[in-house]
Amino acid sequence: MIANLPFIAVALLIGIALATILLKKNMIKMVMGLAMLEGAVNLFLVTLGYRENGIAPIFTNAPEGADMVLPTVQALTLTNIVIGVATTALMLVLVMVIYKKYGTVDADKMRRLKE
């Protein structure tokens, strides 16, 4: 059961993030939900690469037969973090521009003002 704890945490984070994205009308909260979803994906990737009693893949003289954690998912996670930060910053700038134009960050009010 304890081995499944990270997967349970990932499922909870994804559920909360999706609920935030779909149910909230404030665009800043929507961006926060997307950032939380990104964190859940990162946790999922790290959990997939975990090996019990594994050692870091940077050792060059690792003992013979030692299990190493998977370096591919670590690289994917680092790449995902960089892309996620850039995407989140771009979305927040877009929300700022929408606020300057419409005077609100509420999605429903903005749609009504647009019509």
PDB file of N, CA and C in Angstrom:
ATOM      1  N   MET A   1       0.825  -1.197   0.000  1.00  0.00           N
ATOM      2  CA  MET A   1       0.000   0.000   0.000  1.00  0.00           C
ATOM      3  C   MET A   1       0.867   1.258   0.000  1.00  0.00           C
ATOM      4  N   ILE A   2       1.937   1.259   0.789  1.00  0.00           N
ATOM      5  CA  ILE A   2       2.783   2.454   0.882  1.00  0.00           C
ATOM      6  C   ILE A   2       3.503   2.716  -0.442  1.00  0.00           C
ATOM      7  N   ALA A   3       3.735   1.663  -1.229  1.00  0.00           N
ATOM      8  CA  ALA A   3       4.389   1.849  -2.525  1.00  0.00           C
ATOM      9  C   ALA A   3       3.480   2.577  -3.507  1.00  0.00           C
ATOM     10  N   ASN A   4       2.179   2.500  -3.293  1.00  0.00           N
ATOM     11  CA  ASN A   4       1.229   3.156  -4.190  1.00  0.00           C
ATOM     12  C   ASN A   4       0.919   4.590  -3.778  1.00  0.00           C
ATOM     13  N   LEU A   5       1.478   5.057  -2.679  1.00  0.00           N
ATOM     14  CA  LEU A   5       1.185   6.396  -2.178  1.00  0.00           C
ATOM     15  C   LEU A   5       1.488   7.507  -3.192  1.00  0.00           C
ATOM     16  N   PRO A   6       2.616   7.483  -3.901  1.00  0.00           N
ATOM     17  CA  PRO A   6       2.850   8.540  -4.896  1.00  0.00           C
ATOM     18  C   PRO A   6       1.809   8.534  -6.012  1.00  0.00           C
ATOM     19  N   PHE A   7       1.360   7.347  -6.425  1.00  0.00           N
ATOM     20  CA  PHE A   7       0.352   7.281  -7.479  1.00  0.00           C
ATOM     21  C   PHE A   7      -0.992   7.815  -6.985  1.00  0.00           C
ATOM     22  N   ILE A   8      -1.305   7.567  -5.715  1.00  0.00           N
ATOM     23  CA  ILE A   8      -2.530   8.112  -5.125  1.00  0.00           C
ATOM     24  C   ILE A   8      -2.439   9.635  -5.051  1.00  0.00           C
ATOM     25  N   ALA A   9      -1.261  10.142  -4.676  1.00  0.00           N
ATOM     26  CA  ALA A   9      -1.060  11.594  -4.625  1.00  0.00           C
ATOM     27  C   ALA A   9      -1.196  12.208  -6.017  1.00  0.00           C
ATOM     28  N   VAL A  10      -0.682  11.527  -7.029  1.00  0.00           N
ATOM     29  CA  VAL A  10      -0.804  12.014  -8.405  1.00  0.00           C
ATOM     30  C   VAL A  10      -2.274  12.078  -8.809  1.00  0.00           C
ATOM     31  N   ALA A  11      -3.035  11.032  -8.490  1.00  0.00           N
ATOM     32  CA  ALA A  11      -4.461  11.012  -8.847  1.00  0.00           C
ATOM     33  C   ALA A  11      -5.218  12.138  -8.138  1.00  0.00           C
ATOM     34  N   LEU A  12      -4.913  12.368  -6.866  1.00  0.00           N
ATOM     35  CA  LEU A  12      -5.567  13.453  -6.133  1.00  0.00           C
ATOM     36  C   LEU A  12      -5.213  14.821  -6.725  1.00  0.00           C
ATOM     37  N   LEU A  13      -3.936  15.026  -7.019  1.00  0.00           N
ATOM     38  CA  LEU A  13      -3.515  16.295  -7.599  1.00  0.00           C
ATOM     39  C   LEU A  13      -4.158  16.543  -8.959  1.00  0.00           C
ATOM     40  N   ILE A  14      -4.244  15.502  -9.781  1.00  0.00           N
ATOM     41  CA  ILE A  14      -4.871  15.657 -11.089  1.00  0.00           C
ATOM     42  C   ILE A  14      -6.350  15.972 -10.926  1.00  0.00           C
ATOM     43  N   GLY A  15      -7.020  15.297  -9.995  1.00  0.00           N
ATOM     44  CA  GLY A  15      -8.440  15.566  -9.760  1.00  0.00           C
ATOM     45  C   GLY A  15      -8.687  16.985  -9.291  1.00  0.00           C
ATOM     46  N   ILE A  16      -7.888  17.451  -8.338  1.00  0.00           N
ATOM     47  CA  ILE A  16      -8.039  18.817  -7.836  1.00  0.00           C
ATOM     48  C   ILE A  16      -7.724  19.832  -8.934  1.00  0.00           C
ATOM     49  N   ALA A  17      -6.674  19.571  -9.712  1.00  0.00           N
ATOM     50  CA  ALA A  17      -6.294  20.499 -10.781  1.00  0.00           C
ATOM     51  C   ALA A  17      -7.374  20.578 -11.855  1.00  0.00           C
ATOM     52  N   LEU A  18      -7.906  19.444 -12.261  1.00  0.00           N
ATOM     53  CA  LEU A  18      -8.957  19.463 -13.279  1.00  0.00           C
ATOM     54  C   LEU A  18     -10.217  20.148 -12.767  1.00  0.00           C
ATOM     55  N   ALA A  19     -10.560  19.914 -11.503  1.00  0.00           N
ATOM     56  CA  ALA A  19     -11.721  20.586 -10.924  1.00  0.00           C
ATOM     57  C   ALA A  19     -11.505  22.096 -10.887  1.00  0.00           C
ATOM     58  N   THR A  20     -10.304  22.517 -10.561  1.00  0.00           N
ATOM     59  CA  THR A  20      -9.990  23.948 -10.533  1.00  0.00           C
ATOM     60  C   THR A  20     -10.087  24.555 -11.922  1.00  0.00           C
ATOM     61  N   ILE A  21      -9.553  23.871 -12.911  1.00  0.00           N
ATOM     62  CA  ILE A  21      -9.568  24.396 -14.279  1.00  0.00           C
ATOM     63  C   ILE A  21     -10.998  24.486 -14.813  1.00  0.00           C
ATOM     64  N   LEU A  22     -11.791  23.463 -14.552  1.00  0.00           N
ATOM     65  CA  LEU A  22     -13.131  23.400 -15.143  1.00  0.00           C
ATOM     66  C   LEU A  22     -14.185  24.200 -14.379  1.00  0.00           C
ATOM     67  N   LEU A  23     -14.052  24.321 -13.065  1.00  0.00           N
ATOM     68  CA  LEU A  23     -15.117  24.919 -12.271  1.00  0.00           C
ATOM     69  C   LEU A  23     -14.893  26.385 -11.908  1.00  0.00           C
ATOM     70  N   LYS A  24     -13.678  26.843 -11.909  1.00  0.00           N
ATOM     71  CA  LYS A  24     -13.400  28.233 -11.532  1.00  0.00           C
ATOM     72  C   LYS A  24     -13.564  29.149 -12.736  1.00  0.00           C
ATOM     73  N   LYS A  25     -14.027  30.356 -12.490  1.00  0.00           N
ATOM     74  CA  LYS A  25     -14.222  31.342 -13.559  1.00  0.00           C
ATOM     75  C   LYS A  25     -13.090  32.366 -13.603  1.00  0.00           C
ATOM     76  N   ASN A  26     -12.332  32.478 -12.519  1.00  0.00           N
ATOM     77  CA  ASN A  26     -11.214  33.411 -12.459  1.00  0.00           C
ATOM     78  C   ASN A  26     -10.052  32.819 -13.259  1.00  0.00           C
ATOM     79  N   MET A  27      -9.548  33.575 -14.232  1.00  0.00           N
ATOM     80  CA  MET A  27      -8.512  33.041 -15.115  1.00  0.00           C
ATOM     81  C   MET A  27      -7.189  32.802 -14.395  1.00  0.00           C
ATOM     82  N   ILE A  28      -6.897  33.556 -13.344  1.00  0.00           N
ATOM     83  CA  ILE A  28      -5.678  33.324 -12.578  1.00  0.00           C
ATOM     84  C   ILE A  28      -5.765  31.979 -11.857  1.00  0.00           C
ATOM     85  N   LYS A  29      -6.951  31.656 -11.344  1.00  0.00           N
ATOM     86  CA  LYS A  29      -7.140  30.353 -10.705  1.00  0.00           C
ATOM     87  C   LYS A  29      -7.053  29.223 -11.729  1.00  0.00           C
ATOM     88  N   MET A  30      -7.487  29.474 -12.944  1.00  0.00           N
ATOM     89  CA  MET A  30      -7.343  28.475 -14.001  1.00  0.00           C
ATOM     90  C   MET A  30      -5.866  28.205 -14.296  1.00  0.00           C
ATOM     91  N   VAL A  31      -5.083  29.274 -14.339  1.00  0.00           N
ATOM     92  CA  VAL A  31      -3.637  29.118 -14.565  1.00  0.00           C
ATOM     93  C   VAL A  31      -3.002  28.354 -13.396  1.00  0.00           C
ATOM     94  N   MET A  32      -3.458  28.644 -12.174  1.00  0.00           N
ATOM     95  CA  MET A  32      -2.943  27.907 -11.010  1.00  0.00           C
ATOM     96  C   MET A  32      -3.296  26.427 -11.112  1.00  0.00           C
ATOM     97  N   GLY A  33      -4.485  26.115 -11.611  1.00  0.00           N
ATOM     98  CA  GLY A  33      -4.871  24.721 -11.815  1.00  0.00           C
ATOM     99  C   GLY A  33      -3.984  24.037 -12.837  1.00  0.00           C
ATOM    100  N   LEU A  34      -3.646  24.754 -13.909  1.00  0.00           N
ATOM    101  CA  LEU A  34      -2.743  24.181 -14.903  1.00  0.00           C
ATOM    102  C   LEU A  34      -1.345  23.948 -14.330  1.00  0.00           C
ATOM    103  N   ALA A  35      -0.884  24.858 -13.489  1.00  0.00           N
ATOM    104  CA  ALA A  35       0.424  24.676 -12.844  1.00  0.00           C
ATOM    105  C   ALA A  35       0.392  23.476 -11.899  1.00  0.00           C
ATOM    106  N   MET A  36      -0.739  23.288 -11.208  1.00  0.00           N
ATOM    107  CA  MET A  36      -0.873  22.126 -10.326  1.00  0.00           C
ATOM    108  C   MET A  36      -0.900  20.829 -11.141  1.00  0.00           C
ATOM    109  N   LEU A  37      -1.539  20.865 -12.297  1.00  0.00           N
ATOM    110  CA  LEU A  37      -1.562  19.706 -13.176  1.00  0.00           C
ATOM    111  C   LEU A  37      -0.158  19.376 -13.666  1.00  0.00           C
ATOM    112  N   GLU A  38       0.617  20.402 -13.945  1.00  0.00           N
ATOM    113  CA  GLU A  38       2.010  20.192 -14.345  1.00  0.00           C
ATOM    114  C   GLU A  38       2.814  19.534 -13.219  1.00  0.00           C
ATOM    115  N   GLY A  39       2.591  19.977 -11.991  1.00  0.00           N
ATOM    116  CA  GLY A  39       3.271  19.359 -10.855  1.00  0.00           C
ATOM    117  C   GLY A  39       2.878  17.896 -10.682  1.00  0.00           C
ATOM    118  N   ALA A  40       1.622  17.579 -10.949  1.00  0.00           N
ATOM    119  CA  ALA A  40       1.176  16.183 -10.859  1.00  0.00           C
ATOM    120  C   ALA A  40       1.855  15.326 -11.922  1.00  0.00           C
ATOM    121  N   VAL A  41       2.004  15.867 -13.116  1.00  0.00           N
ATOM    122  CA  VAL A  41       2.686  15.129 -14.180  1.00  0.00           C
ATOM    123  C   VAL A  41       4.149  14.911 -13.819  1.00  0.00           C
ATOM    124  N   ASN A  42       4.791  15.923 -13.253  1.00  0.00           N
ATOM    125  CA  ASN A  42       6.187  15.777 -12.832  1.00  0.00           C
ATOM    126  C   ASN A  42       6.331  14.711 -11.750  1.00  0.00           C
ATOM    127  N   LEU A  43       5.430  14.711 -10.775  1.00  0.00           N
ATOM    128  CA  LEU A  43       5.460  13.690  -9.733  1.00  0.00           C
ATOM    129  C   LEU A  43       5.250  12.306 -10.326  1.00  0.00           C
ATOM    130  N   PHE A  44       4.364  12.199 -11.301  1.00  0.00           N
ATOM    131  CA  PHE A  44       4.122  10.914 -11.957  1.00  0.00           C
ATOM    132  C   PHE A  44       5.376  10.429 -12.676  1.00  0.00           C
ATOM    133  N   LEU A  45       6.052  11.335 -13.378  1.00  0.00           N
ATOM    134  CA  LEU A  45       7.271  10.941 -14.092  1.00  0.00           C
ATOM    135  C   LEU A  45       8.363  10.483 -13.124  1.00  0.00           C
ATOM    136  N   VAL A  46       8.544  11.220 -12.035  1.00  0.00           N
ATOM    137  CA  VAL A  46       9.570  10.841 -11.057  1.00  0.00           C
ATOM    138  C   VAL A  46       9.213   9.506 -10.408  1.00  0.00           C
ATOM    139  N   THR A  47       7.933   9.288 -10.150  1.00  0.00           N
ATOM    140  CA  THR A  47       7.500   8.028  -9.550  1.00  0.00           C
ATOM    141  C   THR A  47       7.755   6.857 -10.493  1.00  0.00           C
ATOM    142  N   LEU A  48       7.571   7.076 -11.787  1.00  0.00           N
ATOM    143  CA  LEU A  48       7.832   5.999 -12.744  1.00  0.00           C
ATOM    144  C   LEU A  48       9.312   5.621 -12.792  1.00  0.00           C
ATOM    145  N   GLY A  49      10.193   6.588 -12.598  1.00  0.00           N
ATOM    146  CA  GLY A  49      11.621   6.316 -12.678  1.00  0.00           C
ATOM    147  C   GLY A  49      12.240   5.798 -11.397  1.00  0.00           C
ATOM    148  N   TYR A  50      11.451   5.707 -10.325  1.00  0.00           N
ATOM    149  CA  TYR A  50      11.983   5.284  -9.025  1.00  0.00           C
ATOM    150  C   TYR A  50      12.276   3.789  -9.022  1.00  0.00           C
ATOM    151  N   ARG A  51      13.388   3.422  -8.414  1.00  0.00           N
ATOM    152  CA  ARG A  51      13.726   2.026  -8.153  1.00  0.00           C
ATOM    153  C   ARG A  51      14.193   1.927  -6.712  1.00  0.00           C
ATOM    154  N   GLU A  52      13.691   0.943  -6.013  1.00  0.00           N
ATOM    155  CA  GLU A  52      14.059   0.775  -4.612  1.00  0.00           C
ATOM    156  C   GLU A  52      15.551   0.475  -4.502  1.00  0.00           C
ATOM    157  N   ASN A  53      16.214   1.161  -3.583  1.00  0.00           N
ATOM    158  CA  ASN A  53      17.653   1.054  -3.355  1.00  0.00           C
ATOM    159  C   ASN A  53      18.458   1.402  -4.608  1.00  0.00           C
ATOM    160  N   GLY A  54      17.889   2.239  -5.456  1.00  0.00           N
ATOM    161  CA  GLY A  54      18.586   2.651  -6.660  1.00  0.00           C
ATOM    162  C   GLY A  54      19.591   3.750  -6.353  1.00  0.00           C
ATOM    163  N   ILE A  55      20.596   3.840  -7.177  1.00  0.00           N
ATOM    164  CA  ILE A  55      21.597   4.886  -7.006  1.00  0.00           C
ATOM    165  C   ILE A  55      21.491   5.855  -8.180  1.00  0.00           C
ATOM    166  N   ALA A  56      22.044   7.031  -7.986  1.00  0.00           N
ATOM    167  CA  ALA A  56      21.981   8.056  -9.026  1.00  0.00           C
ATOM    168  C   ALA A  56      22.763   7.610 -10.255  1.00  0.00           C
ATOM    169  N   PRO A  57      22.287   7.918 -11.442  1.00  0.00           N
ATOM    170  CA  PRO A  57      22.962   7.459 -12.662  1.00  0.00           C
ATOM    171  C   PRO A  57      24.222   8.247 -13.007  1.00  0.00           C
ATOM    172  N   ILE A  58      24.681   9.124 -12.107  1.00  0.00           N
ATOM    173  CA  ILE A  58      25.873   9.915 -12.417  1.00  0.00           C
ATOM    174  C   ILE A  58      27.151   9.236 -11.944  1.00  0.00           C
ATOM    175  N   PHE A  59      27.027   8.168 -11.171  1.00  0.00           N
ATOM    176  CA  PHE A  59      28.223   7.466 -10.697  1.00  0.00           C
ATOM    177  C   PHE A  59      28.871   6.718 -11.849  1.00  0.00           C
ATOM    178  N   THR A  60      30.198   6.866 -11.972  1.00  0.00           N
ATOM    179  CA  THR A  60      30.890   6.144 -13.040  1.00  0.00           C
ATOM    180  C   THR A  60      31.446   4.814 -12.537  1.00  0.00           C
ATOM    181  N   ASN A  61      31.797   4.728 -11.258  1.00  0.00           N
ATOM    182  CA  ASN A  61      32.271   3.448 -10.730  1.00  0.00           C
ATOM    183  C   ASN A  61      31.222   2.869  -9.794  1.00  0.00           C
ATOM    184  N   ALA A  62      30.046   2.644 -10.309  1.00  0.00           N
ATOM    185  CA  ALA A  62      28.979   2.049  -9.509  1.00  0.00           C
ATOM    186  C   ALA A  62      29.300   0.577  -9.295  1.00  0.00           C
ATOM    187  N   PRO A  63      28.903   0.036  -8.150  1.00  0.00           N
ATOM    188  CA  PRO A  63      29.147  -1.389  -7.915  1.00  0.00           C
ATOM    189  C   PRO A  63      28.466  -2.255  -8.977  1.00  0.00           C
ATOM    190  N   GLU A  64      29.074  -3.379  -9.247  1.00  0.00           N
ATOM    191  CA  GLU A  64      28.552  -4.300 -10.259  1.00  0.00           C
ATOM    192  C   GLU A  64      27.164  -4.793  -9.861  1.00  0.00           C
ATOM    193  N   GLY A  65      26.234  -4.723 -10.780  1.00  0.00           N
ATOM    194  CA  GLY A  65      24.887  -5.214 -10.530  1.00  0.00           C
ATOM    195  C   GLY A  65      24.008  -4.271  -9.737  1.00  0.00           C
ATOM    196  N   ALA A  66      24.463  -3.039  -9.491  1.00  0.00           N
ATOM    197  CA  ALA A  66      23.668  -2.079  -8.733  1.00  0.00           C
ATOM    198  C   ALA A  66      22.554  -1.525  -9.613  1.00  0.00           C
ATOM    199  N   ASP A  67      21.386  -1.400  -9.023  1.00  0.00           N
ATOM    200  CA  ASP A  67      20.262  -0.810  -9.750  1.00  0.00           C
ATOM    201  C   ASP A  67      20.391   0.704  -9.747  1.00  0.00           C
ATOM    202  N   MET A  68      20.236   1.283 -10.910  1.00  0.00           N
ATOM    203  CA  MET A  68      20.251   2.733 -11.020  1.00  0.00           C
ATOM    204  C   MET A  68      18.841   3.199 -11.337  1.00  0.00           C
ATOM    205  N   VAL A  69      18.504   4.390 -10.850  1.00  0.00           N
ATOM    206  CA  VAL A  69      17.215   4.966 -11.215  1.00  0.00           C
ATOM    207  C   VAL A  69      17.278   5.337 -12.691  1.00  0.00           C
ATOM    208  N   LEU A  70      16.125   5.446 -13.318  1.00  0.00           N
ATOM    209  CA  LEU A  70      16.097   5.715 -14.753  1.00  0.00           C
ATOM    210  C   LEU A  70      16.410   7.186 -15.040  1.00  0.00           C
ATOM    211  N   PRO A  71      17.470   7.463 -15.778  1.00  0.00           N
ATOM    212  CA  PRO A  71      17.829   8.862 -16.035  1.00  0.00           C
ATOM    213  C   PRO A  71      16.924   9.529 -17.064  1.00  0.00           C
ATOM    214  N   THR A  72      16.243   8.751 -17.899  1.00  0.00           N
ATOM    215  CA  THR A  72      15.400   9.335 -18.941  1.00  0.00           C
ATOM    216  C   THR A  72      14.245  10.128 -18.344  1.00  0.00           C
ATOM    217  N   VAL A  73      13.582   9.569 -17.345  1.00  0.00           N
ATOM    218  CA  VAL A  73      12.454  10.286 -16.754  1.00  0.00           C
ATOM    219  C   VAL A  73      12.924  11.497 -15.964  1.00  0.00           C
ATOM    220  N   GLN A  74      14.112  11.448 -15.425  1.00  0.00           N
ATOM    221  CA  GLN A  74      14.651  12.634 -14.748  1.00  0.00           C
ATOM    222  C   GLN A  74      14.888  13.753 -15.752  1.00  0.00           C
ATOM    223  N   ALA A  75      15.427  13.412 -16.902  1.00  0.00           N
ATOM    224  CA  ALA A  75      15.649  14.424 -17.946  1.00  0.00           C
ATOM    225  C   ALA A  75      14.321  14.969 -18.466  1.00  0.00           C
ATOM    226  N   LEU A  76      13.335  14.094 -18.641  1.00  0.00           N
ATOM    227  CA  LEU A  76      12.015  14.547 -19.087  1.00  0.00           C
ATOM    228  C   LEU A  76      11.382  15.477 -18.063  1.00  0.00           C
ATOM    229  N   THR A  77      11.550  15.161 -16.786  1.00  0.00           N
ATOM    230  CA  THR A  77      10.974  15.993 -15.742  1.00  0.00           C
ATOM    231  C   THR A  77      11.625  17.373 -15.720  1.00  0.00           C
ATOM    232  N   LEU A  78      12.933  17.434 -15.835  1.00  0.00           N
ATOM    233  CA  LEU A  78      13.612  18.735 -15.871  1.00  0.00           C
ATOM    234  C   LEU A  78      13.173  19.554 -17.083  1.00  0.00           C
ATOM    235  N   THR A  79      13.035  18.896 -18.225  1.00  0.00           N
ATOM    236  CA  THR A  79      12.562  19.578 -19.420  1.00  0.00           C
ATOM    237  C   THR A  79      11.142  20.082 -19.222  1.00  0.00           C
ATOM    238  N   ASN A  80      10.301  19.257 -18.605  1.00  0.00           N
ATOM    239  CA  ASN A  80       8.914  19.629 -18.351  1.00  0.00           C
ATOM    240  C   ASN A  80       8.821  20.817 -17.392  1.00  0.00           C
ATOM    241  N   ILE A  81       9.695  20.873 -16.413  1.00  0.00           N
ATOM    242  CA  ILE A  81       9.692  21.999 -15.475  1.00  0.00           C
ATOM    243  C   ILE A  81      10.019  23.298 -16.206  1.00  0.00           C
ATOM    244  N   VAL A  82      11.026  23.277 -17.060  1.00  0.00           N
ATOM    245  CA  VAL A  82      11.421  24.482 -17.795  1.00  0.00           C
ATOM    246  C   VAL A  82      10.303  24.932 -18.732  1.00  0.00           C
ATOM    247  N   ILE A  83       9.725  23.990 -19.463  1.00  0.00           N
ATOM    248  CA  ILE A  83       8.631  24.331 -20.376  1.00  0.00           C
ATOM    249  C   ILE A  83       7.422  24.825 -19.590  1.00  0.00           C
ATOM    250  N   GLY A  84       7.138  24.206 -18.443  1.00  0.00           N
ATOM    251  CA  GLY A  84       5.997  24.605 -17.624  1.00  0.00           C
ATOM    252  C   GLY A  84       6.136  26.007 -17.071  1.00  0.00           C
ATOM    253  N   VAL A  85       7.332  26.379 -16.638  1.00  0.00           N
ATOM    254  CA  VAL A  85       7.545  27.736 -16.118  1.00  0.00           C
ATOM    255  C   VAL A  85       7.346  28.768 -17.228  1.00  0.00           C
ATOM    256  N   ALA A  86       7.875  28.480 -18.402  1.00  0.00           N
ATOM    257  CA  ALA A  86       7.715  29.416 -19.518  1.00  0.00           C
ATOM    258  C   ALA A  86       6.249  29.527 -19.933  1.00  0.00           C
ATOM    259  N   THR A  87       5.548  28.404 -19.980  1.00  0.00           N
ATOM    260  CA  THR A  87       4.138  28.421 -20.365  1.00  0.00           C
ATOM    261  C   THR A  87       3.289  29.146 -19.329  1.00  0.00           C
ATOM    262  N   THR A  88       3.570  28.910 -18.053  1.00  0.00           N
ATOM    263  CA  THR A  88       2.826  29.588 -16.989  1.00  0.00           C
ATOM    264  C   THR A  88       3.052  31.092 -17.047  1.00  0.00           C
ATOM    265  N   ALA A  89       4.286  31.511 -17.276  1.00  0.00           N
ATOM    266  CA  ALA A  89       4.574  32.942 -17.388  1.00  0.00           C
ATOM    267  C   ALA A  89       3.830  33.554 -18.580  1.00  0.00           C
ATOM    268  N   LEU A  90       3.796  32.837 -19.696  1.00  0.00           N
ATOM    269  CA  LEU A  90       3.087  33.342 -20.865  1.00  0.00           C
ATOM    270  C   LEU A  90       1.587  33.451 -20.604  1.00  0.00           C
ATOM    271  N   MET A  91       1.010  32.463 -19.921  1.00  0.00           N
ATOM    272  CA  MET A  91      -0.421  32.518 -19.608  1.00  0.00           C
ATOM    273  C   MET A  91      -0.735  33.669 -18.658  1.00  0.00           C
ATOM    274  N   LEU A  92       0.133  33.910 -17.676  1.00  0.00           N
ATOM    275  CA  LEU A  92      -0.111  35.018 -16.754  1.00  0.00           C
ATOM    276  C   LEU A  92       0.002  36.368 -17.453  1.00  0.00           C
ATOM    277  N   VAL A  93       0.925  36.491 -18.395  1.00  0.00           N
ATOM    278  CA  VAL A  93       1.025  37.724 -19.177  1.00  0.00           C
ATOM    279  C   VAL A  93      -0.235  37.912 -20.016  1.00  0.00           C
ATOM    280  N   LEU A  94      -0.746  36.828 -20.572  1.00  0.00           N
ATOM    281  CA  LEU A  94      -1.980  36.907 -21.350  1.00  0.00           C
ATOM    282  C   LEU A  94      -3.153  37.336 -20.469  1.00  0.00           C
ATOM    283  N   VAL A  95      -3.217  36.829 -19.244  1.00  0.00           N
ATOM    284  CA  VAL A  95      -4.268  37.250 -18.310  1.00  0.00           C
ATOM    285  C   VAL A  95      -4.132  38.733 -17.990  1.00  0.00           C
ATOM    286  N   MET A  96      -2.897  39.219 -17.830  1.00  0.00           N
ATOM    287  CA  MET A  96      -2.688  40.652 -17.575  1.00  0.00           C
ATOM    288  C   MET A  96      -3.174  41.503 -18.745  1.00  0.00           C
ATOM    289  N   VAL A  97      -2.901  41.060 -19.956  1.00  0.00           N
ATOM    290  CA  VAL A  97      -3.341  41.801 -21.135  1.00  0.00           C
ATOM    291  C   VAL A  97      -4.868  41.800 -21.212  1.00  0.00           C
ATOM    292  N   ILE A  98      -5.483  40.674 -20.922  1.00  0.00           N
ATOM    293  CA  ILE A  98      -6.952  40.593 -20.920  1.00  0.00           C
ATOM    294  C   ILE A  98      -7.522  41.513 -19.847  1.00  0.00           C
ATOM    295  N   TYR A  99      -6.884  41.566 -18.683  1.00  0.00           N
ATOM    296  CA  TYR A  99      -7.363  42.450 -17.615  1.00  0.00           C
ATOM    297  C   TYR A  99      -7.271  43.924 -18.032  1.00  0.00           C
ATOM    298  N   LYS A 100      -6.171  44.281 -18.699  1.00  0.00           N
ATOM    299  CA  LYS A 100      -6.028  45.667 -19.148  1.00  0.00           C
ATOM    300  C   LYS A 100      -7.078  46.026 -20.195  1.00  0.00           C
ATOM    301  N   LYS A 101      -7.438  45.077 -21.044  1.00  0.00           N
ATOM    302  CA  LYS A 101      -8.402  45.364 -22.102  1.00  0.00           C
ATOM    303  C   LYS A 101      -9.844  45.356 -21.590  1.00  0.00           C
ATOM    304  N   TYR A 102     -10.196  44.344 -20.776  1.00  0.00           N
ATOM    305  CA  TYR A 102     -11.588  44.172 -20.351  1.00  0.00           C
ATOM    306  C   TYR A 102     -11.856  44.632 -18.912  1.00  0.00           C
ATOM    307  N   GLY A 103     -10.828  44.802 -18.123  1.00  0.00           N
ATOM    308  CA  GLY A 103     -11.014  45.250 -16.746  1.00  0.00           C
ATOM    309  C   GLY A 103     -11.482  44.163 -15.796  1.00  0.00           C
ATOM    310  N   THR A 104     -11.379  42.912 -16.198  1.00  0.00           N
ATOM    311  CA  THR A 104     -11.784  41.797 -15.346  1.00  0.00           C
ATOM    312  C   THR A 104     -10.995  40.547 -15.729  1.00  0.00           C
ATOM    313  N   VAL A 105     -10.877  39.639 -14.765  1.00  0.00           N
ATOM    314  CA  VAL A 105     -10.262  38.347 -15.052  1.00  0.00           C
ATOM    315  C   VAL A 105     -11.290  37.224 -14.947  1.00  0.00           C
ATOM    316  N   ASP A 106     -12.548  37.590 -14.787  1.00  0.00           N
ATOM    317  CA  ASP A 106     -13.629  36.610 -14.750  1.00  0.00           C
ATOM    318  C   ASP A 106     -13.987  36.233 -16.187  1.00  0.00           C
ATOM    319  N   ALA A 107     -13.941  34.945 -16.493  1.00  0.00           N
ATOM    320  CA  ALA A 107     -14.159  34.492 -17.869  1.00  0.00           C
ATOM    321  C   ALA A 107     -15.577  34.791 -18.345  1.00  0.00           C
ATOM    322  N   ASP A 108     -16.578  34.604 -17.494  1.00  0.00           N
ATOM    323  CA  ASP A 108     -17.960  34.870 -17.906  1.00  0.00           C
ATOM    324  C   ASP A 108     -18.197  36.351 -18.178  1.00  0.00           C
ATOM    325  N   LYS A 109     -17.694  37.224 -17.296  1.00  0.00           N
ATOM    326  CA  LYS A 109     -17.856  38.663 -17.501  1.00  0.00           C
ATOM    327  C   LYS A 109     -17.146  39.115 -18.775  1.00  0.00           C
ATOM    328  N   MET A 110     -15.990  38.543 -19.029  1.00  0.00           N
ATOM    329  CA  MET A 110     -15.238  38.915 -20.223  1.00  0.00           C
ATOM    330  C   MET A 110     -15.993  38.519 -21.486  1.00  0.00           C
ATOM    331  N   ARG A 111     -16.615  37.339 -21.479  1.00  0.00           N
ATOM    332  CA  ARG A 111     -17.403  36.920 -22.640  1.00  0.00           C
ATOM    333  C   ARG A 111     -18.587  37.853 -22.870  1.00  0.00           C
ATOM    334  N   ARG A 112     -19.229  38.270 -21.783  1.00  0.00           N
ATOM    335  CA  ARG A 112     -20.375  39.182 -21.922  1.00  0.00           C
ATOM    336  C   ARG A 112     -19.923  40.559 -22.435  1.00  0.00           C
ATOM    337  N   LEU A 113     -18.782  41.033 -21.960  1.00  0.00           N
ATOM    338  CA  LEU A 113     -18.267  42.331 -22.418  1.00  0.00           C
ATOM    339  C   LEU A 113     -17.867  42.287 -23.896  1.00  0.00           C
ATOM    340  N   LYS A 114     -17.425  41.136 -24.340  1.00  0.00           N
ATOM    341  CA  LYS A 114     -16.956  40.973 -25.704  1.00  0.00           C
ATOM    342  C   LYS A 114     -18.124  41.070 -26.684  1.00  0.00           C
ATOM    343  N   GLU A 115     -19.300  40.616 -26.278  1.00  0.00           N
ATOM    344  CA  GLU A 115     -20.464  40.594 -27.189  1.00  0.00           C
ATOM    345  C   GLU A 115     -21.073  41.934 -27.403  1.00  0.00           C
TER     346      GLU A 115
END
